Structures are given as C-alpha cells and as structure tokens.
Protein backbone atom coordinates (compact mmCIF):
# COMPACT_ATOMS: atom_id res chain seq x y z
CA MET A 1 74.46 -77.51 -27.01
CA GLY A 2 71.17 -78.72 -25.61
CA LYS A 3 72.12 -77.50 -22.14
CA ALA A 4 73.07 -74.11 -23.56
CA LEU A 5 69.76 -73.68 -25.26
CA LEU A 6 67.91 -74.71 -22.11
CA LEU A 7 69.87 -72.16 -20.00
CA MET A 8 69.14 -69.49 -22.60
CA ALA A 9 65.42 -70.28 -22.50
CA ALA A 10 65.48 -70.15 -18.74
CA SER A 11 67.23 -66.80 -18.90
CA VAL A 12 64.55 -65.45 -21.16
CA MET A 13 61.81 -66.77 -18.91
CA VAL A 14 63.44 -65.18 -15.86
CA ALA A 15 63.85 -61.93 -17.68
CA GLY A 16 60.28 -62.09 -18.92
CA GLY A 17 59.19 -62.78 -15.38
CA ILE A 18 61.06 -59.73 -14.16
CA LEU A 19 59.44 -57.63 -16.88
CA LEU A 20 55.99 -58.91 -16.09
CA TYR A 21 56.41 -58.21 -12.38
CA SER A 22 57.83 -54.70 -12.79
CA GLY A 23 54.78 -53.52 -14.91
CA PRO A 24 52.04 -54.02 -12.27
CA THR A 25 54.26 -52.42 -9.62
CA SER A 26 54.41 -49.12 -11.56
CA ALA A 27 50.67 -49.12 -12.26
CA SER A 28 49.93 -49.86 -8.61
CA ILE A 29 52.02 -46.91 -7.47
CA GLU A 30 50.25 -44.63 -9.92
CA SER A 31 46.83 -45.93 -8.81
CA GLU A 32 47.68 -45.38 -5.17
CA HIS A 33 48.82 -41.82 -5.95
CA ARG A 34 45.57 -41.09 -7.79
CA ALA A 35 43.52 -42.52 -4.97
CA ALA A 36 45.42 -40.45 -2.41
CA GLU A 37 44.97 -37.39 -4.59
CA HIS A 38 41.19 -37.88 -4.94
CA GLY A 39 40.91 -38.59 -1.21
CA ALA A 40 42.75 -35.38 -0.47
CA GLN A 41 40.56 -33.53 -2.96
CA SER A 42 37.40 -34.79 -1.19
CA LEU A 43 38.84 -33.69 2.17
CA ALA A 44 39.78 -30.31 0.71
CA ARG A 45 36.17 -29.80 -0.24
CA GLU A 46 35.02 -30.62 3.30
CA VAL A 47 37.55 -28.11 4.60
CA ALA A 48 36.48 -25.44 2.13
CA MET A 49 32.78 -25.99 2.96
CA THR A 50 33.58 -25.61 6.65
CA GLY A 51 34.99 -22.19 6.05
CA TYR A 52 32.23 -21.31 3.59
CA ASN A 53 29.44 -22.26 5.98
CA TRP A 54 31.08 -20.23 8.77
CA ALA A 55 31.17 -17.20 6.51
CA VAL A 56 27.63 -17.63 5.15
CA GLN A 57 26.21 -17.81 8.66
CA ARG A 58 27.83 -14.50 9.42
CA VAL A 59 26.55 -12.92 6.19
CA GLN A 60 22.97 -14.14 6.74
CA LYS A 61 23.00 -12.96 10.39
CA GLU A 62 24.82 -9.64 10.06
CA LEU A 63 23.66 -8.74 6.55
CA LEU A 64 25.43 -5.67 5.15
CA ALA A 65 27.07 -5.05 8.55
CA VAL A 66 29.17 -8.21 8.17
CA ALA A 67 32.88 -7.64 8.73
CA THR A 68 34.88 -7.91 5.51
CA GLY A 69 38.45 -9.14 5.14
CA ASP A 70 40.43 -12.40 5.14
CA PHE A 71 39.98 -15.12 7.74
CA GLU A 72 41.56 -18.52 8.26
CA GLY A 73 40.96 -21.67 10.19
CA SER A 74 41.56 -25.43 10.23
CA TYR A 75 39.46 -28.55 9.99
CA LEU A 76 40.69 -32.15 10.25
CA ASP A 77 44.00 -32.38 8.36
CA GLY A 78 43.43 -29.20 6.27
CA ALA A 79 43.21 -25.47 6.49
CA TYR A 80 40.75 -22.92 4.95
CA ASP A 81 41.24 -19.36 3.90
CA VAL A 82 38.06 -17.25 3.64
CA SER A 83 37.60 -13.88 2.02
CA ILE A 84 34.46 -11.72 2.51
CA THR A 85 34.09 -8.61 0.31
CA ARG A 86 31.25 -6.15 -0.18
CA ASP A 87 30.27 -4.00 -3.16
CA GLY A 88 27.16 -1.95 -2.42
CA ASP A 89 24.27 -4.35 -1.77
CA LEU A 90 26.41 -7.34 -2.92
CA VAL A 91 28.49 -9.46 -0.56
CA SER A 92 30.87 -12.10 -1.94
CA VAL A 93 32.37 -15.09 -0.11
CA VAL A 94 35.37 -17.13 -1.30
CA SER A 95 36.57 -20.12 0.75
CA VAL A 96 39.62 -22.17 -0.24
CA GLY A 97 40.33 -25.49 1.49
CA THR A 98 43.86 -26.93 1.32
CA VAL A 99 45.06 -30.47 2.21
CA PRO A 100 48.77 -31.51 1.90
CA LEU A 101 49.83 -34.63 0.03
CA ALA A 102 52.67 -36.99 0.94
CA ASP A 103 54.77 -35.92 -2.08
CA GLY A 104 54.78 -32.27 -0.85
CA SER A 105 52.04 -31.10 -3.21
CA GLU A 106 48.60 -29.88 -2.17
CA ALA A 107 44.95 -30.54 -3.04
CA THR A 108 42.69 -27.50 -3.00
CA HIS A 109 39.01 -26.83 -3.37
CA THR A 110 37.36 -23.43 -3.84
CA VAL A 111 33.78 -22.40 -3.05
CA GLU A 112 32.51 -19.00 -4.22
CA ALA A 113 29.10 -17.29 -3.71
CA THR A 114 27.61 -13.85 -4.05
CA PHE A 115 24.61 -12.62 -2.05
CA GLU A 116 22.41 -9.56 -2.63
CA TYR A 117 20.69 -7.59 0.15
CA LYS A 118 16.93 -7.40 -0.30
CA ILE A 119 13.76 -6.61 1.62
CA ALA A 120 11.42 -9.65 1.34
CA TRP A 121 8.05 -10.69 2.70
CA ARG A 122 7.95 -13.24 5.52
CA GLY A 123 4.79 -14.72 6.93
CA PRO A 124 2.01 -17.23 6.48
CA SER A 125 0.18 -15.04 3.95
CA ALA A 126 1.55 -15.70 0.47
CA ASP A 127 3.27 -12.72 -1.05
CA ASP A 128 1.74 -13.33 -4.48
CA ALA A 129 -1.86 -13.77 -3.19
CA LEU A 130 -4.45 -11.00 -2.86
CA PRO A 131 -6.74 -10.63 0.17
CA GLU A 132 -10.27 -11.42 -0.91
CA PHE A 133 -11.50 -7.83 -0.71
CA LEU A 134 -8.85 -6.66 -3.20
CA GLU A 135 -10.18 -9.02 -5.84
CA PHE A 136 -13.17 -6.65 -6.19
CA GLY A 137 -12.91 -3.58 -8.29
CA THR A 138 -15.04 -1.62 -5.82
CA ILE A 139 -16.06 -2.69 -2.29
CA ALA A 140 -17.20 -1.07 0.90
CA GLU A 141 -17.97 -2.14 4.46
CA ASP A 142 -21.11 -0.06 4.61
CA ASP A 143 -23.56 1.23 1.96
CA ILE A 144 -22.59 2.10 -1.61
CA SER A 145 -24.59 4.69 -3.56
CA LEU A 146 -24.35 4.95 -7.33
CA GLN A 147 -25.96 8.14 -8.67
CA GLY A 148 -25.74 9.86 -12.02
CA ASN A 149 -24.01 8.69 -15.18
CA VAL A 150 -21.58 6.23 -13.59
CA GLN A 151 -19.49 4.19 -15.97
CA ALA A 152 -17.37 1.27 -14.83
CA CYS A 153 -15.43 -1.27 -16.91
CA VAL A 154 -12.34 -3.43 -17.16
CA PHE A 155 -9.31 -1.55 -18.45
CA ASN A 156 -7.61 -3.21 -21.41
CA PRO A 157 -3.93 -2.17 -21.64
CA SER A 158 -3.69 -3.35 -25.25
CA THR A 159 -6.22 -0.82 -26.42
CA ALA A 160 -5.88 1.65 -23.53
CA ALA A 161 -9.64 1.66 -23.35
CA CYS A 162 -12.51 -0.28 -21.79
CA ASP A 163 -12.48 -3.98 -22.61
CA ASN A 164 -15.33 -5.34 -24.68
CA GLY A 165 -15.38 -8.97 -23.62
CA THR A 166 -11.92 -10.05 -24.82
CA LEU A 167 -10.55 -10.26 -21.27
CA GLU A 168 -12.05 -12.78 -18.92
CA LEU A 169 -12.41 -10.22 -16.14
CA ASN A 170 -15.17 -8.16 -14.50
CA HIS A 171 -15.29 -5.00 -12.51
CA ASN A 172 -17.22 -6.51 -9.61
CA ILE A 173 -18.71 -4.27 -6.93
CA HIS A 174 -19.80 -5.42 -3.44
CA SER A 175 -21.22 -3.79 -0.33
CA ASN A 176 -21.36 -5.39 3.12
CA GLY A 177 -24.31 -3.04 3.60
CA GLU A 178 -26.73 -1.99 0.83
CA LEU A 179 -25.96 -1.26 -2.79
CA THR A 180 -28.36 1.30 -4.28
CA VAL A 181 -28.51 2.85 -7.80
CA GLY A 182 -30.21 5.98 -9.03
CA GLY A 183 -31.17 7.00 -12.53
CA ASN A 184 -31.08 4.80 -15.57
CA SER A 185 -27.85 5.82 -17.29
CA GLY A 186 -25.30 3.82 -15.34
CA ASN A 187 -23.31 1.07 -17.01
CA TRP A 188 -21.29 -1.19 -14.72
CA LYS A 189 -19.32 -3.93 -16.53
CA GLY A 190 -19.31 -6.43 -13.70
CA PHE A 191 -21.45 -8.18 -11.10
CA GLY A 192 -23.14 -6.27 -8.34
CA SER A 193 -23.67 -7.77 -4.89
CA SER A 194 -24.54 -6.76 -1.33
CA VAL A 195 -25.19 -8.40 2.00
CA VAL A 196 -28.39 -6.30 2.56
CA ALA A 197 -30.98 -6.64 -0.21
CA SER A 198 -31.00 -3.54 -2.39
CA SER A 199 -33.99 -1.30 -2.14
CA SER A 200 -33.51 -0.22 -5.73
CA GLN A 201 -35.98 -1.56 -8.27
CA PRO A 202 -34.90 -4.87 -9.87
CA GLY A 203 -35.26 -3.39 -13.33
CA LYS A 204 -32.77 -0.62 -12.49
CA LEU A 205 -30.27 -3.10 -11.05
CA ASN A 206 -30.46 -5.22 -14.22
CA ASN A 207 -29.97 -2.10 -16.33
CA TRP A 208 -26.97 -0.97 -14.30
CA PHE A 209 -24.93 -4.17 -14.08
CA ASN A 210 -23.73 -5.84 -17.25
CA PRO A 211 -20.81 -8.24 -16.67
CA ASN A 212 -17.95 -8.08 -19.13
CA HIS A 213 -17.50 -11.88 -18.83
CA ASN A 214 -20.43 -14.08 -17.85
CA PRO A 215 -20.24 -17.52 -19.53
CA GLY A 216 -22.48 -19.07 -16.85
CA ALA A 217 -25.25 -16.56 -17.33
CA ALA A 218 -25.17 -15.70 -13.60
CA PRO A 219 -27.53 -12.97 -12.27
CA ASP A 220 -26.14 -9.48 -12.83
CA TYR A 221 -27.00 -8.56 -9.21
CA ALA A 222 -27.45 -10.84 -6.19
CA GLN A 223 -27.24 -10.86 -2.41
CA ALA A 224 -23.97 -12.33 -1.23
CA SER A 225 -21.98 -13.25 1.84
CA TYR A 226 -20.03 -10.85 4.03
CA VAL A 227 -16.43 -10.02 2.89
CA ASN A 228 -13.92 -9.17 5.57
CA LEU A 229 -12.39 -5.70 5.24
CA PRO A 230 -9.62 -4.20 7.41
CA ASP A 231 -10.31 -1.35 9.73
CA TRP A 232 -7.51 1.12 10.42
CA SER A 233 -9.54 3.56 12.52
CA ASP A 234 -7.78 2.50 15.70
CA PRO A 235 -4.52 4.51 15.86
CA THR A 236 -2.84 1.91 18.10
CA TYR A 237 -3.59 -0.85 15.58
CA PHE A 238 -2.27 1.30 12.76
CA GLN A 239 0.96 2.10 14.55
CA ASN A 240 1.70 -1.41 15.83
CA GLU A 241 0.23 -3.72 13.25
CA ILE A 242 0.64 -1.76 10.00
CA LEU A 243 3.66 0.51 10.42
CA GLY A 244 5.37 -2.12 12.60
CA LYS A 245 5.48 -4.66 9.79
CA MET A 246 6.78 -2.43 7.01
CA TRP A 247 10.10 -0.71 6.23
CA VAL A 248 8.86 2.84 5.84
CA ASP A 249 10.05 6.39 5.38
CA HIS A 250 8.18 8.77 7.68
CA SER A 251 7.15 12.39 7.27
CA THR A 252 5.26 14.60 9.72
CA GLY A 253 2.57 17.03 8.57
CA ASP A 254 0.47 17.34 5.45
CA VAL A 255 2.07 16.41 2.13
CA SER A 256 1.26 17.71 -1.37
CA LEU A 257 2.52 15.84 -4.42
CA ASN A 258 3.24 17.39 -7.80
CA GLY A 259 5.62 16.91 -10.72
CA THR A 260 7.40 13.56 -11.19
CA LEU A 261 8.18 11.32 -8.28
CA ASP A 262 10.58 8.37 -8.50
CA MET A 263 11.74 6.84 -5.21
CA GLY A 264 13.30 3.75 -6.80
CA GLY A 265 10.65 1.28 -5.63
CA THR A 266 10.34 -2.04 -7.42
CA ARG A 267 7.59 -4.65 -7.48
CA GLU A 268 9.58 -6.88 -5.05
CA ASP A 269 10.62 -3.96 -2.87
CA PRO A 270 8.14 -1.11 -3.18
CA PHE A 271 8.99 2.24 -1.61
CA VAL A 272 6.71 2.85 1.44
CA TRP A 273 5.99 6.40 2.63
CA HIS A 274 4.16 7.00 5.91
CA VAL A 275 2.48 10.43 5.86
CA ASN A 276 1.50 11.49 9.40
CA GLY A 277 -1.03 13.99 8.09
CA ASN A 278 -3.19 14.49 5.00
CA LEU A 279 -2.03 13.64 1.47
CA THR A 280 -3.00 15.78 -1.49
CA THR A 281 -2.20 15.04 -5.13
CA ASN A 282 -1.70 18.05 -7.42
CA ASN A 283 -0.88 16.62 -10.87
CA VAL A 284 1.85 14.10 -9.99
CA THR A 285 3.29 11.25 -11.98
CA ILE A 286 4.83 8.41 -10.01
CA ASP A 287 7.47 6.04 -11.45
CA GLY A 288 8.16 2.63 -9.87
CA TYR A 289 6.21 0.79 -7.18
CA MET A 290 5.09 2.84 -4.18
CA ILE A 291 2.80 2.57 -1.16
CA PHE A 292 1.44 5.58 0.72
CA LEU A 293 0.36 4.90 4.29
CA VAL A 294 -1.59 8.00 5.24
CA ASP A 295 -2.55 8.72 8.81
CA GLY A 296 -5.13 11.26 7.65
CA ASP A 297 -7.27 12.04 4.63
CA LEU A 298 -6.69 11.52 0.90
CA ASN A 299 -7.42 14.50 -1.33
CA PHE A 300 -7.13 13.79 -5.07
CA SER A 301 -7.53 17.39 -6.19
CA GLY A 302 -5.23 16.91 -9.17
CA ASN A 303 -4.19 14.05 -11.46
CA ALA A 304 -2.36 11.14 -9.83
CA LEU A 305 -0.74 9.34 -12.80
CA VAL A 306 1.77 6.53 -13.12
CA GLY A 307 4.84 6.42 -15.28
CA GLU A 308 7.30 3.57 -15.77
CA SER A 309 6.71 0.83 -13.19
CA GLY A 310 9.62 -1.37 -14.21
CA TYR A 311 7.29 -4.41 -14.40
CA SER A 312 5.56 -5.56 -17.59
CA GLU A 313 4.57 -9.23 -17.09
CA LYS A 314 0.92 -8.30 -16.48
CA ASP A 315 -1.21 -5.20 -16.05
CA GLU A 316 -1.63 -4.23 -12.39
CA SER A 317 -1.54 -1.19 -10.18
CA SER A 318 1.94 0.05 -9.27
CA VAL A 319 0.89 2.68 -6.68
CA ALA A 320 -1.27 2.25 -3.58
CA TYR A 321 -2.95 4.96 -1.52
CA TYR A 322 -4.00 3.66 1.91
CA SER A 323 -5.62 5.98 4.41
CA THR A 324 -6.98 5.91 8.00
CA GLY A 325 -9.36 8.75 7.13
CA ASN A 326 -11.61 9.73 4.23
CA ALA A 327 -10.88 10.03 0.52
CA VAL A 328 -12.22 12.64 -1.89
CA ILE A 329 -11.69 12.20 -5.63
CA ALA A 330 -12.50 15.46 -7.38
CA GLY A 331 -14.24 15.61 -10.77
CA ASN A 332 -12.40 15.71 -14.10
CA ARG A 333 -9.28 14.06 -12.63
CA GLN A 334 -7.40 10.85 -13.31
CA VAL A 335 -6.26 8.66 -10.44
CA TRP A 336 -4.18 5.55 -11.14
CA GLY A 337 -3.72 3.09 -8.25
CA GLN A 338 -5.37 0.95 -5.66
CA VAL A 339 -7.18 3.18 -3.14
CA PHE A 340 -8.19 2.14 0.38
CA THR A 341 -9.66 4.28 3.09
CA SER A 342 -11.03 3.52 6.55
CA GLY A 343 -13.61 6.29 6.22
CA HIS A 344 -15.94 7.48 3.50
CA ILE A 345 -14.82 7.64 -0.13
CA SER A 346 -16.52 9.81 -2.74
CA ASN A 347 -15.99 10.13 -6.44
CA GLY A 348 -17.51 13.21 -7.94
CA GLY A 349 -16.78 12.50 -11.59
CA ALA A 350 -13.15 11.42 -11.83
CA GLN A 351 -11.55 8.65 -13.84
CA VAL A 352 -10.05 5.95 -11.59
CA TYR A 353 -7.78 3.25 -13.03
CA GLY A 354 -7.39 0.57 -10.36
CA THR A 355 -9.50 -0.49 -7.33
CA VAL A 356 -11.56 1.39 -4.74
CA THR A 357 -12.01 0.08 -1.20
CA SER A 358 -13.68 1.72 1.80
CA SER A 359 -14.11 0.43 5.35
CA GLY A 360 -16.91 2.97 5.58
CA THR A 361 -19.35 4.12 2.93
CA ALA A 362 -18.81 4.92 -0.73
CA SER A 363 -20.66 7.24 -3.10
CA PHE A 364 -20.34 7.92 -6.80
CA SER A 365 -22.06 10.87 -8.41
CA GLY A 366 -21.88 13.03 -11.54
CA ASN A 367 -20.02 11.35 -14.35
CA PRO A 368 -17.35 9.08 -12.78
CA ASP A 369 -15.51 6.55 -14.89
CA VAL A 370 -14.02 3.71 -12.88
CA ARG A 371 -11.80 1.34 -14.83
CA TYR A 372 -10.68 -1.82 -13.07
CA ARG A 373 -7.03 -2.75 -13.09
CA MET A 374 -5.98 -5.70 -10.92
CA ALA A 375 -4.51 -4.82 -7.58
CA SER A 376 -0.88 -5.77 -7.07
CA PRO A 377 -0.33 -8.45 -4.38
CA LYS A 378 3.08 -6.85 -3.61
CA LEU A 379 1.30 -3.62 -2.66
CA ALA A 380 -1.13 -5.54 -0.44
CA ARG A 381 1.43 -6.36 2.24
CA PRO A 382 -0.06 -3.96 4.84
CA PHE A 383 -3.21 -6.12 4.86
CA LYS A 384 -1.45 -9.50 5.13
CA GLU A 385 -0.39 -11.60 8.06
CA GLY A 386 3.39 -11.41 8.18
CA HIS A 387 6.07 -8.73 7.89
CA GLU A 388 8.85 -7.49 5.70
CA GLY A 389 12.36 -8.62 6.58
CA GLU A 390 15.92 -8.24 5.47
CA ILE A 391 17.49 -11.13 3.59
CA MET A 392 20.70 -11.94 1.72
CA ASP A 393 19.53 -13.60 -1.49
CA PHE A 394 21.77 -15.95 -3.57
CA VAL A 395 22.95 -14.41 -6.78
CA ARG A 396 25.79 -16.72 -7.81
CA TYR A 397 27.38 -20.01 -6.60
CA GLU A 398 30.34 -21.96 -7.93
CA GLU A 399 32.83 -24.53 -6.64
CA PHE A 400 35.81 -26.30 -8.17
CA GLY A 401 38.83 -28.34 -7.08
CA SER A 402 42.47 -28.42 -8.15
CA LEU A 403 41.83 -31.67 -10.06
CA ASP A 404 38.99 -29.93 -11.92
CA ARG A 405 41.29 -27.09 -13.00
CA ASP A 406 44.32 -29.28 -13.71
CA PRO A 407 43.16 -32.76 -14.77
CA SER A 408 46.70 -33.89 -15.56
C-alpha cells in the first residue's frame, strides 16, 4: 500500500508538471503573436507614410493641378494604396499601408489629410507688420500745408465718432519736408512733426496739435528724423516690383466705381485690381478686403464707403487705394480706406476714415475731417519685401491603424 500511494503521488506530480509546462507555452505563443502583430503594425505605418509623403509632395508642387485618382506602390515588405481627390479648393489624400502576417491576416495603417489652396505672403517682411510710414495717420515726402478749419482725430468704432482719450492712439502727422499751418481753427488730435523746421508761429503749432494720448507730456510739435516712403513714379519699378509680386486682375483704361462692389476678397487674401488708367469713385460701397493699384490718378468725386469686411477682431481699413499719380478728394465726401499716391494729394473738405500718404506734397483746405483708422498690414503687401505665392495649407490630419480600430 505504501508503494501504491507513492506511485499515485508521483503520478500527480508528473501531471502537475505537465500542467505547469503547458501554461507558459500557450502564453508565449500569444505573446509572440502580439509582438508580431505590433511589429507589422509599425511597419504598416512606415509603408503608409511612404505613400502619403509621395502624394503630399505632388500636392504641394502641383497645387490644384495635381492629378487625382488611385495610385499604388510598395515599400519593404508592404504595399500602399493612395487616393488623391479634389473638391474645389480642397485636395484630400488617403494612404493605406498593408503588411501581411504569418497567419494570413494583415496589419494596416491609414493616413488621411486635407489641404486648402490659398494665396499667402512669402518674404522677409512680416505679413502682420506695418511699414513705418503706414503707422502715421497722415504723412508726405514733401511739404504738408494745413489751411482752414481742418479737423483730425482718432476714429472710435464703439461710438462711431472721434475718440476722446479712451483709446491709446493718436492721429500723428509727419512731413519729410516742412509742415505749415494757417489760421487758428484747426484741431489735430495727434503729434505733428517734420524734418524741416516749420515756419509757422510756435503758438499756432501748439494750438493746432493736441494729442489724443500723451501720458509723457511730449511736445505737441517737434522736428523729427526722416521716414522712408516708397516712390512709384518710375513705371519700370511699378511694373516689375509692384505688379510682379502680386496676384492681380488687370483692366485697361479709366475706371469709374459706383453701386456695391464685392469681389470676394478676405483679409488673408485681398482682391487686387490693377487699373491701367485713372480711377474715379462715384458713390461706391465695397465689401470685403480689396487693393486698387492705379497706374494713374485717383479722383474721389463721390463717396467711397466700406460695407462688410468679414473681419472683426480689430478696427482697421479694409480697402486700399494706391496710385502712381495724384489724388483729389472732393469736398463733402466720405472716403474710407488707406490712400497712397506718388504725386500730390489734396483734400478740399472731405471726411477721410483711414490713412493718407503722399510721396509728393499734401494740402488740406476748407473743412476737411480726417479720422485715423489703423492701416491693415495685409493691405500693405505692395510696400513690403517679398511676394505673394500659392500654397496648400493643412486643414485636417488623421492617422490610425488596424489595431486602433480593432483592439481585440
């Protein structure tokens, strides 16, 4: 009986040993399968990214002209299937990488992205920075003459009126020549400055200039350093350096604007119109962001208003009038925008909401009312070092593997 019990115990030990041995073998097989699956998944991602990068290079190079359809290729031990589709200004790329497993199944990884075609600024000059001269409300290369009952202030969009010290802004005026004032009725809510000392009496200068914001009690008028202004009087420079850097729509001959104009321009992509002739405004309202490049004179004989700009983060001009010639702003008119001219600019009594720049001389007479609104840096691209270019901008990106979608 003792031998029988001993044999039985041995039998149990053997059986137990078999059971203990068979358990780790099953776990090891499962672990190896998981490791192989994850290895294949990682490889599938490499394969998918190979196809994706190939497609993205084509999209970024060929833009909206990229060929659409289905494409396939191989990398290492896997294969990729790529689909390129287009919907208007949107181009989508889907790349699926596939790697076979030993048990006959497959590991897959998918990479998806959508790109949007845009016109963007490229160059050393920051797109959100203003050239120094556009930081002034009014500036001229040569002399500026202020005569009559000239009123100038900072426009407050909250009250739709002149600001009374609540905004930390001034309507500053500068001349690279001489700044002269006549009469005693002017009221300019900003600092006055000029390179050449003004021949006007100091008392008149102090009466004319009253900064809207002056916490440091700086002089109302002072001599100042030269400020660089562009000069578009050379037609070759205008054609090569200005028109050559912008995506523009051209028209030949004089243009007269009236009614409502909406060309679909946005702050990031303003509509640019090159007028090879004179431009006249006859009571027009312009929606969206727009730049006029005028190879001729500007005649504001009627109102030039702005409607919906599509941008509300801050108050700034949404329309720019840039001219190689002269600019005349008639009396009893409203002009909204940033105005630049290479020649003389005169305001005979109009309301201007924006900025006024002349590479020549400037004169204000009668009862003009000039209300400073900040210039838009997006509308200042013609004056910056750089150029507009086509890009495909990322809109959406996503990637996932078969293990992510089926964790079992």
